Protein backbone atom coordinates (compact mmCIF):
# COMPACT_ATOMS: atom_id res chain seq x y z
CA MET A 1 -0.11 0.34 -0.22
CA THR A 2 0.88 3.77 -0.79
CA GLY A 3 1.30 6.52 1.39
CA THR A 4 -0.35 8.43 -1.09
CA LEU A 5 -3.60 6.25 -1.44
CA PRO A 6 -5.47 4.31 1.07
CA TYR A 7 -5.17 1.82 -0.52
CA LEU A 8 -3.10 -0.52 -2.47
CA ASP A 9 -3.89 0.40 -6.28
CA LEU A 10 -3.19 -1.39 -9.32
CA ARG A 11 -0.69 1.24 -11.11
CA THR A 12 1.74 1.33 -7.81
CA HIS A 13 1.85 -2.68 -7.88
CA LEU A 14 2.32 -2.81 -11.45
CA GLN A 15 5.42 -0.23 -11.28
CA ALA A 16 6.71 -2.20 -8.20
CA ARG A 17 6.27 -5.62 -10.03
CA PHE A 18 7.56 -3.92 -13.98
CA GLY A 19 9.12 -1.35 -13.08
CA ARG A 20 7.82 0.39 -15.31
CA ARG A 21 4.50 2.29 -16.80
CA VAL A 22 2.21 -0.99 -17.88
CA GLN A 23 -1.62 -0.69 -19.38
CA LYS A 24 -4.22 -2.52 -19.98
CA ILE A 25 -5.37 -3.13 -23.42
CA ALA A 26 -9.12 -4.48 -23.37
CA LEU A 27 -9.92 -6.99 -26.06
CA ASP A 28 -13.28 -7.95 -27.58
CA ALA A 29 -13.05 -11.62 -28.66
CA GLY A 30 -16.05 -12.24 -29.90
CA PHE A 31 -17.04 -14.39 -26.73
CA THR A 32 -20.49 -15.58 -25.44
CA CYS A 33 -21.60 -17.21 -21.53
CA PRO A 34 -23.52 -19.80 -20.89
CA ASN A 35 -26.26 -17.86 -19.62
CA ARG A 36 -27.21 -15.98 -23.28
CA ASP A 37 -26.24 -19.56 -25.17
CA GLY A 38 -28.99 -21.77 -23.27
CA THR A 39 -26.04 -23.93 -22.45
CA VAL A 40 -26.75 -22.44 -18.34
CA GLY A 41 -29.91 -20.53 -19.32
CA VAL A 42 -30.79 -16.83 -21.60
CA GLY A 43 -31.09 -13.38 -21.63
CA GLY A 44 -27.32 -12.92 -19.54
CA CYS A 45 -26.86 -10.92 -16.47
CA LEU A 46 -29.31 -9.18 -15.69
CA TYR A 47 -26.76 -5.65 -15.74
CA CYS A 48 -25.65 -6.87 -18.79
CA ASN A 49 -26.05 -5.34 -22.84
CA ALA A 50 -26.18 -7.73 -26.09
CA ARG A 51 -22.00 -6.22 -25.91
CA GLY A 52 -21.96 -7.93 -22.81
CA SER A 53 -19.10 -5.23 -21.27
CA GLY A 54 -16.61 -5.21 -23.91
CA THR A 55 -15.64 -2.76 -26.79
CA GLY A 56 -18.02 -4.00 -29.39
CA ALA A 57 -14.62 -4.36 -31.73
CA TYR A 58 -15.38 -7.93 -33.00
CA GLY A 59 -18.18 -7.06 -34.38
CA ARG A 60 -17.05 -4.33 -36.07
CA GLY A 61 -14.82 -6.48 -37.76
CA GLN A 62 -11.39 -5.52 -35.46
CA ASP A 63 -9.25 -8.50 -34.80
CA LEU A 64 -6.63 -9.00 -31.53
CA THR A 65 -4.61 -7.55 -33.39
CA ALA A 66 -5.51 -4.29 -35.20
CA GLN A 67 -7.41 -4.13 -31.83
CA LEU A 68 -3.52 -4.49 -30.03
CA LYS A 69 -1.79 -2.25 -32.50
CA ALA A 70 -4.55 0.98 -32.33
CA ALA A 71 -4.29 0.72 -28.07
CA ALA A 72 -1.27 0.57 -28.03
CA ARG A 73 -0.50 3.40 -30.13
CA GLY A 74 -3.01 5.57 -28.25
CA LEU A 75 -1.94 4.54 -25.28
CA THR A 76 1.85 5.10 -26.36
CA ARG A 77 1.04 8.66 -27.53
CA ARG A 78 -0.25 9.31 -23.65
CA TYR A 79 1.68 8.33 -20.92
CA GLY A 80 4.80 7.45 -23.42
CA PRO A 81 7.07 4.43 -23.52
CA CYS A 82 5.37 1.52 -21.87
CA ALA A 83 3.83 -2.04 -21.92
CA PHE A 84 0.44 -3.72 -22.20
CA ILE A 85 -0.96 -6.33 -20.37
CA ALA A 86 -4.04 -8.08 -22.76
CA TYR A 87 -7.22 -8.24 -21.15
CA PHE A 88 -9.58 -10.72 -22.41
CA GLN A 89 -12.41 -8.71 -21.52
CA GLY A 90 -16.24 -9.14 -23.18
CA PHE A 91 -18.40 -11.63 -22.13
CA SER A 92 -16.59 -15.21 -21.39
CA ASN A 93 -13.04 -15.50 -22.44
CA THR A 94 -12.49 -19.10 -21.34
CA TYR A 95 -16.26 -20.56 -22.74
CA GLY A 96 -14.57 -22.36 -25.97
CA PRO A 97 -12.62 -24.60 -27.09
CA VAL A 98 -9.14 -25.27 -25.33
CA GLU A 99 -7.19 -24.96 -29.21
CA ARG A 100 -9.13 -21.85 -29.76
CA LEU A 101 -8.09 -20.26 -26.27
CA ARG A 102 -4.23 -21.13 -26.79
CA ALA A 103 -4.68 -19.62 -30.26
CA LEU A 104 -6.53 -15.81 -28.62
CA TYR A 105 -4.63 -15.87 -26.26
CA ASP A 106 -1.28 -17.06 -28.42
CA GLN A 107 -1.91 -14.08 -30.40
CA ALA A 108 -1.98 -12.34 -28.09
CA LEU A 109 1.14 -12.44 -26.38
CA ALA A 110 2.95 -12.08 -29.16
CA PHE A 111 2.08 -8.34 -30.32
CA PRO A 112 4.45 -6.97 -29.04
CA GLY A 113 5.17 -5.04 -25.77
CA VAL A 114 2.66 -7.12 -24.21
CA VAL A 115 3.33 -8.57 -21.39
CA GLY A 116 0.44 -10.20 -19.45
CA LEU A 117 -2.72 -11.85 -20.03
CA SER A 118 -5.53 -11.12 -18.02
CA VAL A 119 -9.11 -12.95 -19.00
CA GLY A 120 -12.40 -11.94 -17.45
CA THR A 121 -14.82 -15.38 -17.63
CA ARG A 122 -17.55 -16.82 -14.81
CA PRO A 123 -16.36 -19.82 -12.32
CA ASP A 124 -18.35 -22.41 -14.22
CA CYS A 125 -16.24 -21.63 -17.04
CA VAL A 126 -12.63 -22.79 -16.12
CA PRO A 127 -12.80 -26.46 -15.81
CA GLY A 128 -9.60 -27.92 -15.79
CA GLU A 129 -7.98 -27.86 -19.37
CA VAL A 130 -8.24 -24.32 -19.48
CA LEU A 131 -6.74 -23.71 -16.08
CA GLN A 132 -4.08 -25.86 -16.72
CA LEU A 133 -3.79 -23.60 -19.90
CA LEU A 134 -3.61 -20.83 -17.93
CA ALA A 135 -1.23 -22.20 -16.09
CA GLY A 136 1.40 -23.01 -18.55
CA TYR A 137 1.40 -19.25 -19.40
CA ALA A 138 2.14 -18.20 -15.77
CA GLN A 139 5.40 -20.36 -15.51
CA ARG A 140 6.28 -17.30 -18.79
CA HIS A 141 4.09 -13.81 -18.51
CA LEU A 142 1.67 -11.94 -15.51
CA VAL A 143 -1.42 -13.88 -15.90
CA TRP A 144 -4.46 -13.21 -14.22
CA LEU A 145 -8.03 -15.42 -14.70
CA GLU A 146 -10.87 -12.57 -13.64
CA LEU A 147 -13.78 -14.62 -12.07
CA GLY A 148 -17.11 -12.68 -11.82
CA LEU A 149 -18.81 -13.23 -8.20
CA GLN A 150 -20.40 -9.85 -8.04
CA SER A 151 -22.00 -11.35 -4.78
CA ALA A 152 -21.73 -14.04 -2.25
CA ASN A 153 -25.33 -13.88 -1.71
CA ASP A 154 -26.81 -16.47 -3.62
CA ALA A 155 -30.98 -14.94 -3.56
CA THR A 156 -29.06 -12.03 -5.21
CA LEU A 157 -26.85 -13.77 -7.71
CA GLY A 158 -30.29 -16.13 -8.56
CA ARG A 159 -31.93 -12.42 -9.00
CA LEU A 160 -29.29 -11.01 -11.91
CA ASN A 161 -29.19 -14.70 -13.46
CA ARG A 162 -26.55 -15.23 -13.07
CA GLY A 163 -26.58 -19.16 -13.22
CA HIS A 164 -24.00 -20.00 -10.64
CA ASP A 165 -23.70 -19.23 -7.14
CA ALA A 166 -20.84 -18.43 -4.30
CA ALA A 167 -20.40 -21.88 -4.05
CA CYS A 168 -18.70 -22.56 -7.24
CA PHE A 169 -16.44 -18.93 -7.27
CA ALA A 170 -14.95 -20.32 -3.99
CA ASP A 171 -14.40 -24.12 -6.02
CA ALA A 172 -13.09 -21.97 -9.10
CA VAL A 173 -10.66 -20.02 -6.82
CA HIS A 174 -10.06 -22.64 -5.19
CA ARG A 175 -8.77 -24.81 -8.19
CA ALA A 176 -7.17 -22.30 -9.81
CA ALA A 177 -4.73 -21.06 -7.00
CA ALA A 178 -4.17 -25.16 -6.97
CA ARG A 179 -2.51 -24.45 -10.11
CA GLY A 180 -0.56 -21.69 -8.22
CA LEU A 181 -2.92 -18.73 -10.62
CA GLU A 182 -3.33 -15.17 -9.56
CA VAL A 183 -7.19 -14.66 -9.34
CA VAL A 184 -8.98 -10.99 -9.51
CA ALA A 185 -13.01 -11.54 -8.12
CA HIS A 186 -15.53 -9.06 -9.12
CA VAL A 187 -17.93 -7.73 -7.37
CA ILE A 188 -21.10 -5.62 -8.20
CA LEU A 189 -21.41 -2.55 -5.20
CA GLY A 190 -25.74 -1.24 -5.59
CA LEU A 191 -26.75 -4.90 -6.76
CA PRO A 192 -31.07 -5.05 -6.46
CA GLY A 193 -32.31 -6.29 -2.80
CA GLU A 194 -28.51 -6.20 -1.03
CA GLY A 195 -28.46 -4.07 1.39
CA ARG A 196 -24.79 -2.90 2.95
CA GLU A 197 -25.02 -6.18 5.66
CA GLU A 198 -25.20 -8.24 2.42
CA MET A 199 -22.05 -6.27 0.14
CA LEU A 200 -20.06 -6.63 3.58
CA ALA A 201 -20.53 -10.00 3.85
CA THR A 202 -19.15 -10.26 -0.63
CA ALA A 203 -16.09 -8.75 1.00
CA ARG A 204 -16.06 -11.50 4.41
CA PHE A 205 -16.24 -13.97 2.01
CA LEU A 206 -13.93 -12.42 -0.25
CA GLY A 207 -10.69 -12.26 3.12
CA ARG A 208 -11.58 -15.59 2.83
CA LEU A 209 -11.09 -16.31 -0.59
CA PRO A 210 -7.17 -16.80 -1.31
CA LEU A 211 -6.67 -13.84 -3.81
CA GLN A 212 -4.12 -12.23 -5.28
CA GLY A 213 -6.92 -9.01 -6.36
CA VAL A 214 -10.13 -7.34 -6.69
CA LYS A 215 -12.42 -5.31 -8.64
CA ILE A 216 -15.06 -3.30 -7.29
CA HIS A 217 -18.17 -1.64 -10.21
CA LEU A 218 -20.50 0.50 -9.22
CA LEU A 219 -24.69 -1.58 -10.64
CA TYR A 220 -24.74 1.28 -12.90
CA VAL A 221 -28.14 0.48 -15.94
CA VAL A 222 -27.18 0.39 -19.74
CA ALA A 223 -29.23 0.65 -22.33
CA GLY A 224 -30.99 -2.93 -23.78
CA SER A 225 -30.35 -4.40 -20.13
CA GLY A 226 -32.66 -5.86 -18.43
CA LEU A 227 -31.68 -3.67 -15.26
CA ALA A 228 -32.85 -0.35 -17.34
CA ARG A 229 -35.75 -2.17 -17.34
CA LEU A 230 -36.44 -3.02 -14.20
CA TYR A 231 -35.21 0.89 -13.67
CA ALA A 232 -37.52 2.40 -16.44
CA ALA A 233 -40.79 0.65 -14.61
CA GLY A 234 -39.84 2.33 -11.17
CA ASP A 235 -38.40 -0.62 -9.37
CA TYR A 236 -35.04 -0.40 -9.05
CA THR A 237 -33.21 2.98 -8.22
CA PRO A 238 -29.24 3.37 -8.16
CA LEU A 239 -26.63 4.36 -6.15
CA THR A 240 -26.14 8.53 -4.97
CA GLU A 241 -22.83 8.91 -5.20
CA ALA A 242 -22.49 9.72 -1.44
CA GLU A 243 -24.49 6.86 -0.50
CA PHE A 244 -21.35 4.79 -3.56
CA VAL A 245 -18.39 6.81 -2.25
CA ALA A 246 -19.68 5.00 2.18
CA LEU A 247 -20.59 2.07 1.09
CA ALA A 248 -16.78 1.20 -0.64
CA VAL A 249 -14.83 2.79 1.68
CA ASP A 250 -16.63 0.02 4.50
CA PHE A 251 -15.68 -2.79 0.99
CA LEU A 252 -12.40 -1.89 1.47
CA GLU A 253 -11.47 -1.45 4.97
CA GLU A 254 -13.09 -4.91 4.82
CA LEU A 255 -10.49 -6.06 2.78
CA PRO A 256 -7.23 -7.67 3.01
CA PRO A 257 -4.30 -5.11 2.99
CA HIS A 258 -2.85 -6.92 0.47
CA LEU A 259 -5.14 -7.81 -2.34
CA VAL A 260 -4.69 -5.12 -4.80
CA ILE A 261 -7.38 -3.31 -6.19
CA HIS A 262 -7.71 -3.63 -10.15
CA ARG A 263 -10.55 -1.22 -10.18
CA LEU A 264 -12.67 1.53 -8.23
CA THR A 265 -16.94 2.08 -8.99
CA GLY A 266 -16.04 1.68 -13.34
CA ASP A 267 -16.11 2.86 -16.76
CA PRO A 268 -19.82 2.51 -19.01
CA HIS A 269 -19.85 3.92 -22.10
CA PRO A 270 -21.41 7.15 -22.53
CA GLN A 271 -23.36 6.75 -24.99
CA GLU A 272 -25.21 3.66 -23.85
CA LEU A 273 -24.86 4.82 -19.74
CA VAL A 274 -29.14 5.82 -17.94
CA ALA A 275 -27.99 6.32 -14.66
CA PRO A 276 -27.08 6.82 -12.64
CA ALA A 277 -25.29 10.38 -14.52
CA TRP A 278 -22.73 11.10 -11.87
CA CYS A 279 -20.47 8.12 -12.41
CA LEU A 280 -19.02 9.31 -15.97
CA ASP A 281 -17.30 11.34 -13.30
CA LYS A 282 -15.06 8.92 -12.35
CA PRO A 283 -11.74 11.71 -10.95
CA ARG A 284 -14.63 12.97 -9.39
CA VAL A 285 -16.17 9.70 -7.89
CA LEU A 286 -11.91 8.62 -7.10
CA ARG A 287 -11.57 12.18 -5.23
CA ARG A 288 -14.18 11.36 -2.69
CA LEU A 289 -13.01 8.18 -1.71
CA GLN A 290 -10.00 9.28 -0.42
CA GLU A 291 -11.96 12.46 1.12
CA GLU A 292 -13.68 10.15 2.99
CA PHE A 293 -11.07 7.48 3.67
CA ALA A 294 -9.93 10.80 5.61
CA ARG A 295 -12.47 12.27 7.33
CA ARG A 296 -12.53 8.28 9.29
CA GLY A 297 -8.87 7.72 9.43
CA SER A 298 -8.56 4.45 8.13
CA ARG A 299 -7.58 2.81 4.86
CA GLN A 300 -7.91 -0.85 3.21
CA GLY A 301 -7.93 -3.91 5.71
CA SER A 302 -8.79 -1.33 8.73
CA ARG A 303 -11.60 -3.94 9.63
CA TRP A 304 -9.95 -6.78 8.80
CA ALA A 305 -8.60 -10.11 11.02
CA ALA A 306 -6.78 -12.66 9.81
CA PRO A 307 -8.25 -15.72 9.88
CA SER A 308 -6.20 -18.13 12.71
CA HIS A 309 -7.75 -21.26 10.24
CA PRO A 310 -9.00 -22.22 7.44
CA ASP A 311 -12.25 -20.88 6.14
CA ARG A 312 -14.26 -23.69 7.07
CA GLU A 313 -17.75 -22.29 5.68
CA THR A 314 -16.05 -21.76 2.16
CA ARG A 315 -14.34 -25.08 2.55
CA ASP A 316 -17.55 -26.73 2.82
CA LEU A 317 -18.97 -24.71 0.05
CA VAL A 318 -16.45 -25.84 -1.95
CA ILE A 319 -17.04 -29.80 -0.28
CA SER A 320 -21.24 -29.19 -0.96
CA ARG A 321 -20.93 -28.03 -4.22
CA VAL A 322 -18.24 -30.53 -5.13
CA GLY A 323 -20.62 -33.53 -4.01
CA ARG A 324 -24.52 -32.22 -6.02
CA ASP A 325 -22.06 -32.11 -9.09
CA LEU A 326 -20.48 -35.74 -8.76
CA GLN A 327 -24.33 -36.57 -7.35
CA THR A 328 -25.37 -35.10 -11.24
CA HIS A 329 -22.02 -36.07 -13.63
CA GLY A 330 -21.78 -39.12 -12.18
CA LYS A 331 -17.42 -38.07 -12.18
CA ASP A 332 -15.14 -36.08 -10.80
CA LEU A 333 -14.49 -32.62 -11.81
CA PRO A 334 -11.32 -31.43 -13.72
């Protein structure tokens, strides 16, 4: 953790790790999700539209190399010489045959200046052979497996149409950690039906898992999503800026101090954003977060206590899930 920021930010972590500036390049590789194509469900997550938080570049006919070239050119103009992490962002970027994944990851790593991979996906899309593939890359490059949890509350996950439970997430994290992979969890504050206690329970859940990083998102409403329909009907009200700032600081105080905070708030596409408008001013939100930490005299991890023994709750969640899957499929998990 730096002396200037009350949390362990990604830029500082990367500077210390590589000794130079490193920037992530978001990539769209044309994936989909099992809760969109009917394998698990249809319609996708409640907050997600047809673009799936991606750039839309694949649909415009840009392959990975073209996307990397365009982004690297812009980043170099802005920051000067820097290294890059290829971030497979849109939808579930491990949801496909291993040979296709290998070809895509190889293509990204072959681009000049790319020093690592960050692969965003769902916890139910990381079978053993995919984890083994990523573990192979991790022997030579930085590799982050970014897993979407959003909430540790199963009722919330059901409302979101996630198609998996918290036990699935814990299982995926433990299997990835067993292969030496670094895992980054995605969570969302302000989900329908959740109050402060449910959100802080998610922070405590994460604090008991072998994670290396966390991304904290604000739930914002994008056009074309199920959440947009709820908002239009008056059935969902986004967090105010003040509410989000207080909750985000609460959340960070519950997280272990060694977890790298990869993101705070989020980066909505302005042309898609329905509400809240305040989230477009990201520098202001980050400033407000620091001011709230200063007002409290706290920092990341202020309310976290290291567990004195392996976590029984997450262990039992994983054992329970493995038992259910064995009963359903009649075979061991990969």
